[in-house]
C-alpha atoms as a PDB file:
ATOM      1  CA  UNK A   1      81.150  62.535  92.610  1.00  0.00           C
ATOM      2  CA  UNK A   2      82.465  65.389  90.819  1.00  0.00           C
ATOM      3  CA  UNK A   3      82.343  69.132  92.800  1.00  0.00           C
ATOM      4  CA  UNK A   4      80.208  71.393  90.099  1.00  0.00           C
ATOM      5  CA  UNK A   5      82.571  74.374  89.050  1.00  0.00           C
ATOM      6  CA  UNK A   6      81.617  77.673  90.795  1.00  0.00           C
ATOM      7  CA  UNK A   7      82.260  80.913  89.730  1.00  0.00           C
ATOM      8  CA  UNK A   8      83.501  83.312  92.434  1.00  0.00           C
ATOM      9  CA  UNK A   9      84.376  87.676  92.796  1.00  0.00           C
ATOM     10  CA  UNK A  10      87.677  88.831  93.682  1.00  0.00           C
ATOM     11  CA  UNK A  11      88.838  92.525  94.505  1.00  0.00           C
ATOM     12  CA  UNK A  12      91.734  94.631  93.355  1.00  0.00           C
ATOM     13  CA  UNK A  13      92.429  97.431  95.543  1.00  0.00           C
ATOM     14  CA  UNK A  14      93.527 100.408  93.058  1.00  0.00           C
ATOM     15  CA  UNK A  15      96.698 100.803  95.486  1.00  0.00           C
ATOM     16  CA  UNK A  16      99.721 101.542  93.227  1.00  0.00           C
ATOM     17  CA  UNK A  17     100.610  97.332  94.835  1.00  0.00           C
ATOM     18  CA  UNK A  18     100.898  94.066  93.893  1.00  0.00           C
ATOM     19  CA  UNK A  19      98.093  91.423  94.747  1.00  0.00           C
ATOM     20  CA  UNK A  20      98.367  87.992  94.819  1.00  0.00           C
ATOM     21  CA  UNK A  21      95.314  85.879  94.392  1.00  0.00           C
ATOM     22  CA  UNK A  22      95.237  81.623  94.311  1.00  0.00           C
ATOM     23  CA  UNK A  23      91.926  81.644  91.466  1.00  0.00           C
ATOM     24  CA  UNK A  24      90.803  79.048  88.713  1.00  0.00           C
ATOM     25  CA  UNK A  25      90.518  79.574  85.112  1.00  0.00           C
ATOM     26  CA  UNK A  26      89.759  82.774  84.107  1.00  0.00           C
ATOM     27  CA  UNK A  27      89.496  85.917  85.034  1.00  0.00           C
ATOM     28  CA  UNK A  28      86.241  85.687  82.954  1.00  0.00           C
ATOM     29  CA  UNK A  29      85.310  89.579  83.504  1.00  0.00           C
ATOM     30  CA  UNK A  30      86.238  92.515  85.118  1.00  0.00           C
ATOM     31  CA  UNK A  31      84.211  95.748  86.116  1.00  0.00           C
ATOM     32  CA  UNK A  32      84.411  98.563  88.503  1.00  0.00           C
ATOM     33  CA  UNK A  33      81.153  99.350  90.591  1.00  0.00           C
ATOM     34  CA  UNK A  34      82.715 100.953  93.536  1.00  0.00           C
ATOM     35  CA  UNK A  35      85.939 103.689  93.526  1.00  0.00           C
ATOM     36  CA  UNK A  36      88.991 102.187  94.805  1.00  0.00           C
ATOM     37  CA  UNK A  37      88.599  98.539  93.561  1.00  0.00           C
ATOM     38  CA  UNK A  38      88.061  96.720  90.777  1.00  0.00           C
ATOM     39  CA  UNK A  39      86.509  93.091  91.101  1.00  0.00           C
ATOM     40  CA  UNK A  40      87.258  90.542  88.770  1.00  0.00           C
ATOM     41  CA  UNK A  41      85.171  87.179  88.156  1.00  0.00           C
ATOM     42  CA  UNK A  42      86.913  83.964  88.069  1.00  0.00           C
ATOM     43  CA  UNK A  43      86.499  79.933  88.556  1.00  0.00           C
ATOM     44  CA  UNK A  44      86.987  79.182  91.991  1.00  0.00           C
ATOM     45  CA  UNK A  45      90.132  77.315  92.117  1.00  0.00           C
ATOM     46  CA  UNK A  46      90.281  73.511  92.480  1.00  0.00           C
ATOM     47  CA  UNK A  47      93.149  70.848  93.422  1.00  0.00           C
ATOM     48  CA  UNK A  48      93.929  70.593  89.313  1.00  0.00           C
ATOM     49  CA  UNK A  49      93.136  73.832  88.336  1.00  0.00           C
ATOM     50  CA  UNK A  50      94.855  76.312  91.516  1.00  0.00           C
ATOM     51  CA  UNK A  51      96.901  78.929  90.369  1.00  0.00           C
ATOM     52  CA  UNK A  52      98.073  81.773  92.362  1.00  0.00           C
ATOM     53  CA  UNK A  53      98.614  84.992  90.135  1.00  0.00           C
ATOM     54  CA  UNK A  54      99.657  88.537  90.934  1.00  0.00           C
ATOM     55  CA  UNK A  55      97.780  91.577  89.393  1.00  0.00           C
ATOM     56  CA  UNK A  56      98.075  95.336  89.860  1.00  0.00           C
ATOM     57  CA  UNK A  57      95.501  98.511  88.984  1.00  0.00           C
ATOM     58  CA  UNK A  58      97.114 101.363  86.697  1.00  0.00           C
ATOM     59  CA  UNK A  59      95.297 104.275  85.097  1.00  0.00           C
ATOM     60  CA  UNK A  60      94.864 105.430  81.638  1.00  0.00           C
ATOM     61  CA  UNK A  61      97.874 106.741  80.821  1.00  0.00           C
ATOM     62  CA  UNK A  62     101.022 105.957  83.868  1.00  0.00           C
ATOM     63  CA  UNK A  63     103.322 103.744  82.951  1.00  0.00           C
ATOM     64  CA  UNK A  64     103.309 100.115  83.037  1.00  0.00           C
ATOM     65  CA  UNK A  65     105.371  98.331  85.562  1.00  0.00           C
ATOM     66  CA  UNK A  66     108.373  96.025  84.478  1.00  0.00           C
ATOM     67  CA  UNK A  67     107.579  92.268  84.499  1.00  0.00           C
ATOM     68  CA  UNK A  68     103.154  93.231  83.673  1.00  0.00           C
ATOM     69  CA  UNK A  69     100.918  92.913  80.703  1.00  0.00           C
ATOM     70  CA  UNK A  70      97.473  93.899  80.344  1.00  0.00           C
ATOM     71  CA  UNK A  71      94.581  91.567  81.059  1.00  0.00           C
ATOM     72  CA  UNK A  72      92.079  93.604  81.340  1.00  0.00           C
ATOM     73  CA  UNK A  73      89.829  97.063  81.723  1.00  0.00           C
ATOM     74  CA  UNK A  74      87.475  98.449  83.859  1.00  0.00           C
ATOM     75  CA  UNK A  75      85.548 102.003  83.382  1.00  0.00           C
ATOM     76  CA  UNK A  76      85.051 103.592  87.002  1.00  0.00           C
ATOM     77  CA  UNK A  77      81.673 104.457  88.501  1.00  0.00           C
ATOM     78  CA  UNK A  78      81.617 107.961  87.378  1.00  0.00           C
ATOM     79  CA  UNK A  79      82.617 107.003  83.961  1.00  0.00           C
ATOM     80  CA  UNK A  80      85.815 109.784  83.935  1.00  0.00           C
ATOM     81  CA  UNK A  81      88.546 107.328  84.362  1.00  0.00           C
ATOM     82  CA  UNK A  82      89.667 103.601  83.040  1.00  0.00           C
ATOM     83  CA  UNK A  83      91.506 101.470  85.204  1.00  0.00           C
ATOM     84  CA  UNK A  84      93.537  98.715  83.457  1.00  0.00           C
ATOM     85  CA  UNK A  85      94.262  95.078  85.120  1.00  0.00           C
ATOM     86  CA  UNK A  86      98.050  94.094  84.932  1.00  0.00           C
ATOM     87  CA  UNK A  87      99.097  90.807  85.699  1.00  0.00           C
ATOM     88  CA  UNK A  88     102.807  90.693  87.375  1.00  0.00           C
ATOM     89  CA  UNK A  89     105.649  87.905  86.682  1.00  0.00           C
ATOM     90  CA  UNK A  90     105.827  85.764  90.446  1.00  0.00           C
ATOM     91  CA  UNK A  91     109.473  86.915  91.500  1.00  0.00           C
ATOM     92  CA  UNK A  92     111.429  83.959  90.160  1.00  0.00           C
ATOM     93  CA  UNK A  93     112.584  82.271  93.446  1.00  0.00           C
ATOM     94  CA  UNK A  94     109.125  81.534  93.794  1.00  0.00           C
ATOM     95  CA  UNK A  95     108.545  80.638  90.168  1.00  0.00           C
ATOM     96  CA  UNK A  96     108.157  76.304  89.926  1.00  0.00           C
ATOM     97  CA  UNK A  97     110.406  77.424  86.501  1.00  0.00           C
ATOM     98  CA  UNK A  98     112.999  79.618  84.766  1.00  0.00           C
ATOM     99  CA  UNK A  99     112.200  82.517  82.973  1.00  0.00           C
ATOM    100  CA  UNK A 100     114.172  83.867  80.085  1.00  0.00           C
ATOM    101  CA  UNK A 101     113.570  87.127  78.300  1.00  0.00           C
ATOM    102  CA  UNK A 102     115.265  88.299  75.608  1.00  0.00           C
ATOM    103  CA  UNK A 103     114.400  92.176  75.675  1.00  0.00           C
ATOM    104  CA  UNK A 104     116.017  94.637  77.692  1.00  0.00           C
ATOM    105  CA  UNK A 105     115.566  98.455  78.234  1.00  0.00           C
ATOM    106  CA  UNK A 106     111.987  98.923  77.406  1.00  0.00           C
ATOM    107  CA  UNK A 107     109.250  97.788  80.517  1.00  0.00           C
ATOM    108  CA  UNK A 108     106.265  96.917  77.601  1.00  0.00           C
ATOM    109  CA  UNK A 109     108.329  94.902  75.465  1.00  0.00           C
ATOM    110  CA  UNK A 110     110.191  93.102  78.684  1.00  0.00           C
ATOM    111  CA  UNK A 111     106.115  92.964  79.937  1.00  0.00           C
ATOM    112  CA  UNK A 112     104.644  91.734  76.695  1.00  0.00           C
ATOM    113  CA  UNK A 113     107.787  88.791  76.377  1.00  0.00           C
ATOM    114  CA  UNK A 114     106.950  87.528  79.986  1.00  0.00           C
ATOM    115  CA  UNK A 115     103.355  87.249  79.451  1.00  0.00           C
ATOM    116  CA  UNK A 116     104.020  85.685  76.068  1.00  0.00           C
ATOM    117  CA  UNK A 117     106.170  82.558  77.989  1.00  0.00           C
ATOM    118  CA  UNK A 118     103.828  82.596  80.845  1.00  0.00           C
ATOM    119  CA  UNK A 119     101.010  81.820  78.501  1.00  0.00           C
ATOM    120  CA  UNK A 120     102.844  79.544  76.681  1.00  0.00           C
ATOM    121  CA  UNK A 121     104.391  77.552  80.140  1.00  0.00           C
ATOM    122  CA  UNK A 122     100.515  77.442  80.727  1.00  0.00           C
ATOM    123  CA  UNK A 123      99.139  76.267  78.166  1.00  0.00           C
ATOM    124  CA  UNK A 124     101.675  73.494  77.790  1.00  0.00           C
ATOM    125  CA  UNK A 125     101.051  72.202  81.510  1.00  0.00           C
ATOM    126  CA  UNK A 126      97.184  72.281  80.524  1.00  0.00           C
ATOM    127  CA  UNK A 127      96.615  75.139  83.395  1.00  0.00           C
END
């Protein structure tokens, strides 16, 4: 009998660090209900859907780290700050395949290109 799908809640500290999660499909939604934490909801990982992903949080106006791309936004509880969740490319030695990026010099362009390559790879592998 197949296991029913479940949605779990995850927390990303707002601390300028990358945070790694194993999730299923998603993230589905982002929110910031407590200071210092951005939450997201995603399907729980299963044997067929488990994927390790890495995220960091930056504020509006802050530079995007190289190798990141935007995946969601959340407004702080006091409505004074807006946080942006960025997905981070997992370092090459940990990745399953090679990713070649044909852009250089512009962190935003590199992040967008890496994001496109990763999304394309996920689609082609059914993830």
